[in-house]
Amino acid sequence: MNEEPHPVMVFSGTAWEAALLKSLLENAEITAYLKDEIRGYMAPWHVSPGGTDPVKVLVSSVDEVKARIVVDDFKAKQQSE
């Protein structure tokens, strides 16, 4: 039973974090999209309770496992700084 590919959210954060992660995913040959990029920057409280982590990074379900590796590495590097 093959499942139809669908968008999967792999990260949510600030506009610059999401843009940086999108770039890292694209370097790993994973197509990524930002959700609420403009509204998350201009009025984050409109897209997220309290305005925290308003911009979402989406990938195809086909690339989810590969993308999660990149996301986990990104988060680990953020915490080490």
C-alpha atoms as a PDB file:
ATOM      1  CA  MET A   1       0.000   0.000   0.000  1.00  0.00           C
ATOM      2  CA  ASN A   2       1.739   3.150  -1.234  1.00  0.00           C
ATOM      3  CA  GLU A   3       0.802   6.344   0.510  1.00  0.00           C
ATOM      4  CA  GLU A   4       0.450   9.551  -1.460  1.00  0.00           C
ATOM      5  CA  PRO A   5       3.242  12.047  -0.625  1.00  0.00           C
ATOM      6  CA  HIS A   6       2.083  14.872   1.621  1.00  0.00           C
ATOM      7  CA  PRO A   7       3.705  17.860   3.372  1.00  0.00           C
ATOM      8  CA  VAL A   8       5.236  17.209   6.778  1.00  0.00           C
ATOM      9  CA  MET A   9       6.322  19.870   9.272  1.00  0.00           C
ATOM     10  CA  VAL A  10       9.853  19.104  10.468  1.00  0.00           C
ATOM     11  CA  PHE A  11      10.672  22.337  12.318  1.00  0.00           C
ATOM     12  CA  SER A  12       9.173  25.546  13.657  1.00  0.00           C
ATOM     13  CA  GLY A  13      11.146  28.553  14.776  1.00  0.00           C
ATOM     14  CA  THR A  14      11.958  32.162  14.052  1.00  0.00           C
ATOM     15  CA  ALA A  15      12.077  33.447  10.486  1.00  0.00           C
ATOM     16  CA  TRP A  16      15.883  33.405  10.345  1.00  0.00           C
ATOM     17  CA  GLU A  17      16.159  29.916  11.910  1.00  0.00           C
ATOM     18  CA  ALA A  18      13.629  28.529   9.432  1.00  0.00           C
ATOM     19  CA  ALA A  19      15.361  30.197   6.468  1.00  0.00           C
ATOM     20  CA  LEU A  20      18.742  28.864   7.567  1.00  0.00           C
ATOM     21  CA  LEU A  21      17.367  25.340   7.992  1.00  0.00           C
ATOM     22  CA  LYS A  22      15.628  25.527   4.600  1.00  0.00           C
ATOM     23  CA  SER A  23      19.000  26.342   3.054  1.00  0.00           C
ATOM     24  CA  LEU A  24      20.638  23.384   4.829  1.00  0.00           C
ATOM     25  CA  LEU A  25      17.880  21.050   3.639  1.00  0.00           C
ATOM     26  CA  GLU A  26      18.256  22.267   0.065  1.00  0.00           C
ATOM     27  CA  ASN A  27      22.023  21.669   0.312  1.00  0.00           C
ATOM     28  CA  ALA A  28      21.130  18.073   1.223  1.00  0.00           C
ATOM     29  CA  GLU A  29      18.963  17.936  -1.940  1.00  0.00           C
ATOM     30  CA  ILE A  30      15.698  18.036   0.006  1.00  0.00           C
ATOM     31  CA  THR A  31      13.026  20.410  -1.270  1.00  0.00           C
ATOM     32  CA  ALA A  32      11.715  22.479   1.615  1.00  0.00           C
ATOM     33  CA  TYR A  33       9.067  25.164   1.962  1.00  0.00           C
ATOM     34  CA  LEU A  34       8.434  27.826   4.595  1.00  0.00           C
ATOM     35  CA  LYS A  35       4.916  28.242   5.950  1.00  0.00           C
ATOM     36  CA  ASP A  36       3.840  31.580   7.439  1.00  0.00           C
ATOM     37  CA  GLU A  37       7.165  33.156   6.486  1.00  0.00           C
ATOM     38  CA  ILE A  38       5.832  36.693   6.023  1.00  0.00           C
ATOM     39  CA  ARG A  39       3.142  36.699   8.708  1.00  0.00           C
ATOM     40  CA  GLY A  40       5.478  34.888  11.106  1.00  0.00           C
ATOM     41  CA  TYR A  41       7.944  37.744  10.751  1.00  0.00           C
ATOM     42  CA  MET A  42       5.554  40.685  10.641  1.00  0.00           C
ATOM     43  CA  ALA A  43       2.876  39.491  13.101  1.00  0.00           C
ATOM     44  CA  PRO A  44       4.009  36.231  14.752  1.00  0.00           C
ATOM     45  CA  TRP A  45       1.140  36.290  17.270  1.00  0.00           C
ATOM     46  CA  HIS A  46      -1.284  35.824  14.338  1.00  0.00           C
ATOM     47  CA  VAL A  47       0.129  32.409  13.389  1.00  0.00           C
ATOM     48  CA  SER A  48       1.366  31.037  16.703  1.00  0.00           C
ATOM     49  CA  PRO A  49       0.116  31.309  20.290  1.00  0.00           C
ATOM     50  CA  GLY A  50       2.229  33.922  22.012  1.00  0.00           C
ATOM     51  CA  GLY A  51       4.151  34.457  18.780  1.00  0.00           C
ATOM     52  CA  THR A  52       6.677  31.700  19.554  1.00  0.00           C
ATOM     53  CA  ASP A  53       8.200  29.656  16.720  1.00  0.00           C
ATOM     54  CA  PRO A  54       5.875  31.150  14.101  1.00  0.00           C
ATOM     55  CA  VAL A  55       7.572  29.961  10.880  1.00  0.00           C
ATOM     56  CA  LYS A  56       7.241  26.297   9.893  1.00  0.00           C
ATOM     57  CA  VAL A  57       9.549  24.272   7.639  1.00  0.00           C
ATOM     58  CA  LEU A  58       7.743  21.695   5.495  1.00  0.00           C
ATOM     59  CA  VAL A  59       9.146  18.825   3.420  1.00  0.00           C
ATOM     60  CA  SER A  60       7.601  15.979   1.456  1.00  0.00           C
ATOM     61  CA  SER A  61       6.749  12.855   3.438  1.00  0.00           C
ATOM     62  CA  VAL A  62       9.053  11.032   1.009  1.00  0.00           C
ATOM     63  CA  ASP A  63      12.023  13.019   2.378  1.00  0.00           C
ATOM     64  CA  GLU A  64      10.954  13.117   6.029  1.00  0.00           C
ATOM     65  CA  VAL A  65      13.529  10.674   7.436  1.00  0.00           C
ATOM     66  CA  LYS A  66      16.419  12.313   5.597  1.00  0.00           C
ATOM     67  CA  ALA A  67      15.165  15.778   6.601  1.00  0.00           C
ATOM     68  CA  ARG A  68      14.879  14.852  10.287  1.00  0.00           C
ATOM     69  CA  ILE A  69      18.597  13.961  10.298  1.00  0.00           C
ATOM     70  CA  VAL A  70      19.438  17.455   9.008  1.00  0.00           C
ATOM     71  CA  VAL A  71      17.022  19.058  11.496  1.00  0.00           C
ATOM     72  CA  ASP A  72      18.443  17.095  14.443  1.00  0.00           C
ATOM     73  CA  ASP A  73      21.974  18.145  13.471  1.00  0.00           C
ATOM     74  CA  PHE A  74      20.821  21.779  13.154  1.00  0.00           C
ATOM     75  CA  LYS A  75      19.207  21.693  16.621  1.00  0.00           C
ATOM     76  CA  ALA A  76      22.267  20.064  18.187  1.00  0.00           C
ATOM     77  CA  LYS A  77      24.534  22.779  16.781  1.00  0.00           C
ATOM     78  CA  GLN A  78      22.159  25.488  18.030  1.00  0.00           C
ATOM     79  CA  GLN A  79      22.221  24.091  21.563  1.00  0.00           C
ATOM     80  CA  SER A  80      26.000  23.777  21.629  1.00  0.00           C
ATOM     81  CA  GLU A  81      26.465  27.506  20.955  1.00  0.00           C
END
